Amino acid sequence: MDRHLIVSTDFWHEAIDTGDRQAFGVPVRIFTPQDIRQIVAIAAGCGFQAIGIIEFHRGKTTVRWHGLECTFIDFSLKPLD
């Protein structure tokens, strides 16, 4: 059985100051390309690899929430062969 971890998170091509905003009891964070690369590197150290190439598009904002504007990024990880 193939197992995959599908990740979808708030994203923007540059850092956005979220101040002291919180949601669901935790600080709000909008991830950058550098953050996503770090997540993938940590996952690799835990035995996972990205499926395909993660593309960091500079698209329009699609999310307006808590006074912030960003978009989403989706990527998938699978166990190393």
C-alpha atoms as a PDB file:
ATOM      1  CA  MET A   1       0.000   0.000   0.000  1.00  0.00           C
ATOM      2  CA  ASP A   2       1.441   3.378  -0.999  1.00  0.00           C
ATOM      3  CA  ARG A   3       1.400   6.005   1.711  1.00  0.00           C
ATOM      4  CA  HIS A   4       1.667   9.727   1.108  1.00  0.00           C
ATOM      5  CA  LEU A   5       1.545  12.831   3.242  1.00  0.00           C
ATOM      6  CA  ILE A   6      -0.235  15.690   1.464  1.00  0.00           C
ATOM      7  CA  VAL A   7       0.541  19.120   2.893  1.00  0.00           C
ATOM      8  CA  SER A   8      -1.431  22.307   2.269  1.00  0.00           C
ATOM      9  CA  THR A   9      -0.506  25.481   4.113  1.00  0.00           C
ATOM     10  CA  ASP A  10      -0.612  29.257   3.949  1.00  0.00           C
ATOM     11  CA  PHE A  11       2.163  30.549   1.707  1.00  0.00           C
ATOM     12  CA  TRP A  12       3.675  33.688   0.268  1.00  0.00           C
ATOM     13  CA  HIS A  13       6.857  34.223  -1.730  1.00  0.00           C
ATOM     14  CA  GLU A  14       8.279  36.544   0.944  1.00  0.00           C
ATOM     15  CA  ALA A  15       7.923  36.785   4.714  1.00  0.00           C
ATOM     16  CA  ILE A  16       4.738  38.379   6.044  1.00  0.00           C
ATOM     17  CA  ASP A  17       4.727  39.825   9.546  1.00  0.00           C
ATOM     18  CA  THR A  18       1.771  38.188  11.285  1.00  0.00           C
ATOM     19  CA  GLY A  19       2.325  40.154  14.492  1.00  0.00           C
ATOM     20  CA  ASP A  20       0.736  38.558  17.506  1.00  0.00           C
ATOM     21  CA  ARG A  21      -2.205  37.057  15.615  1.00  0.00           C
ATOM     22  CA  GLN A  22      -3.389  33.679  16.818  1.00  0.00           C
ATOM     23  CA  ALA A  23      -5.818  31.110  15.477  1.00  0.00           C
ATOM     24  CA  PHE A  24      -7.032  28.071  17.347  1.00  0.00           C
ATOM     25  CA  GLY A  25      -4.696  28.950  20.220  1.00  0.00           C
ATOM     26  CA  VAL A  26      -1.457  28.984  18.219  1.00  0.00           C
ATOM     27  CA  PRO A  27       0.453  31.758  16.427  1.00  0.00           C
ATOM     28  CA  VAL A  28      -0.500  32.373  12.791  1.00  0.00           C
ATOM     29  CA  ARG A  29       2.341  31.643  10.367  1.00  0.00           C
ATOM     30  CA  ILE A  30       2.565  32.095   6.624  1.00  0.00           C
ATOM     31  CA  PHE A  31       5.296  29.929   5.116  1.00  0.00           C
ATOM     32  CA  THR A  32       7.899  31.114   2.580  1.00  0.00           C
ATOM     33  CA  PRO A  33       9.850  29.104  -0.009  1.00  0.00           C
ATOM     34  CA  GLN A  34      12.756  28.899   2.454  1.00  0.00           C
ATOM     35  CA  ASP A  35      10.401  27.489   5.127  1.00  0.00           C
ATOM     36  CA  ILE A  36       9.036  24.853   2.740  1.00  0.00           C
ATOM     37  CA  ARG A  37      12.547  23.806   1.705  1.00  0.00           C
ATOM     38  CA  GLN A  38      13.431  23.431   5.387  1.00  0.00           C
ATOM     39  CA  ILE A  39      10.321  21.305   6.011  1.00  0.00           C
ATOM     40  CA  VAL A  40      11.251  19.031   3.089  1.00  0.00           C
ATOM     41  CA  ALA A  41      14.838  18.742   4.397  1.00  0.00           C
ATOM     42  CA  ILE A  42      13.606  17.790   7.870  1.00  0.00           C
ATOM     43  CA  ALA A  43      11.213  15.263   6.325  1.00  0.00           C
ATOM     44  CA  ALA A  44      14.118  13.770   4.344  1.00  0.00           C
ATOM     45  CA  GLY A  45      15.960  13.257   7.626  1.00  0.00           C
ATOM     46  CA  CYS A  46      12.918  11.328   8.835  1.00  0.00           C
ATOM     47  CA  GLY A  47      12.768   9.061   5.790  1.00  0.00           C
ATOM     48  CA  PHE A  48      10.491  11.006   3.411  1.00  0.00           C
ATOM     49  CA  GLN A  49      10.975  12.602   0.003  1.00  0.00           C
ATOM     50  CA  ALA A  50       8.996  15.116  -1.987  1.00  0.00           C
ATOM     51  CA  ILE A  51       6.914  13.787  -4.855  1.00  0.00           C
ATOM     52  CA  GLY A  52       7.792  15.813  -7.926  1.00  0.00           C
ATOM     53  CA  ILE A  53       9.050  19.381  -7.951  1.00  0.00           C
ATOM     54  CA  ILE A  54       7.584  21.866  -5.497  1.00  0.00           C
ATOM     55  CA  GLU A  55       6.751  25.005  -7.445  1.00  0.00           C
ATOM     56  CA  PHE A  56       6.812  28.368  -5.713  1.00  0.00           C
ATOM     57  CA  HIS A  57       4.437  30.418  -7.843  1.00  0.00           C
ATOM     58  CA  ARG A  58       4.114  34.139  -7.308  1.00  0.00           C
ATOM     59  CA  GLY A  59       0.395  34.108  -7.932  1.00  0.00           C
ATOM     60  CA  LYS A  60      -2.329  36.374  -6.682  1.00  0.00           C
ATOM     61  CA  THR A  61      -3.463  36.367  -3.100  1.00  0.00           C
ATOM     62  CA  THR A  62      -6.346  33.953  -2.636  1.00  0.00           C
ATOM     63  CA  VAL A  63      -6.658  34.119   1.145  1.00  0.00           C
ATOM     64  CA  ARG A  64      -7.734  37.140   3.172  1.00  0.00           C
ATOM     65  CA  TRP A  65      -7.904  36.214   6.835  1.00  0.00           C
ATOM     66  CA  HIS A  66      -7.187  38.031  10.110  1.00  0.00           C
ATOM     67  CA  GLY A  67      -6.154  41.086   8.087  1.00  0.00           C
ATOM     68  CA  LEU A  68      -3.514  39.118   6.159  1.00  0.00           C
ATOM     69  CA  GLU A  69      -3.306  38.242   2.463  1.00  0.00           C
ATOM     70  CA  CYS A  70      -1.541  35.180   1.079  1.00  0.00           C
ATOM     71  CA  THR A  71      -2.175  32.042  -0.942  1.00  0.00           C
ATOM     72  CA  PHE A  72      -1.757  28.289  -0.396  1.00  0.00           C
ATOM     73  CA  ILE A  73       0.939  25.831  -1.356  1.00  0.00           C
ATOM     74  CA  ASP A  74       0.347  22.098  -1.701  1.00  0.00           C
ATOM     75  CA  PHE A  75       2.982  19.392  -1.862  1.00  0.00           C
ATOM     76  CA  SER A  76       3.224  15.670  -1.202  1.00  0.00           C
ATOM     77  CA  LEU A  77       5.768  13.528   0.591  1.00  0.00           C
ATOM     78  CA  LYS A  78       6.273   9.777   0.465  1.00  0.00           C
ATOM     79  CA  PRO A  79       8.501   7.358   2.353  1.00  0.00           C
ATOM     80  CA  LEU A  80      11.945   6.888   0.810  1.00  0.00           C
ATOM     81  CA  ASP A  81      12.232   3.752  -1.275  1.00  0.00           C
END
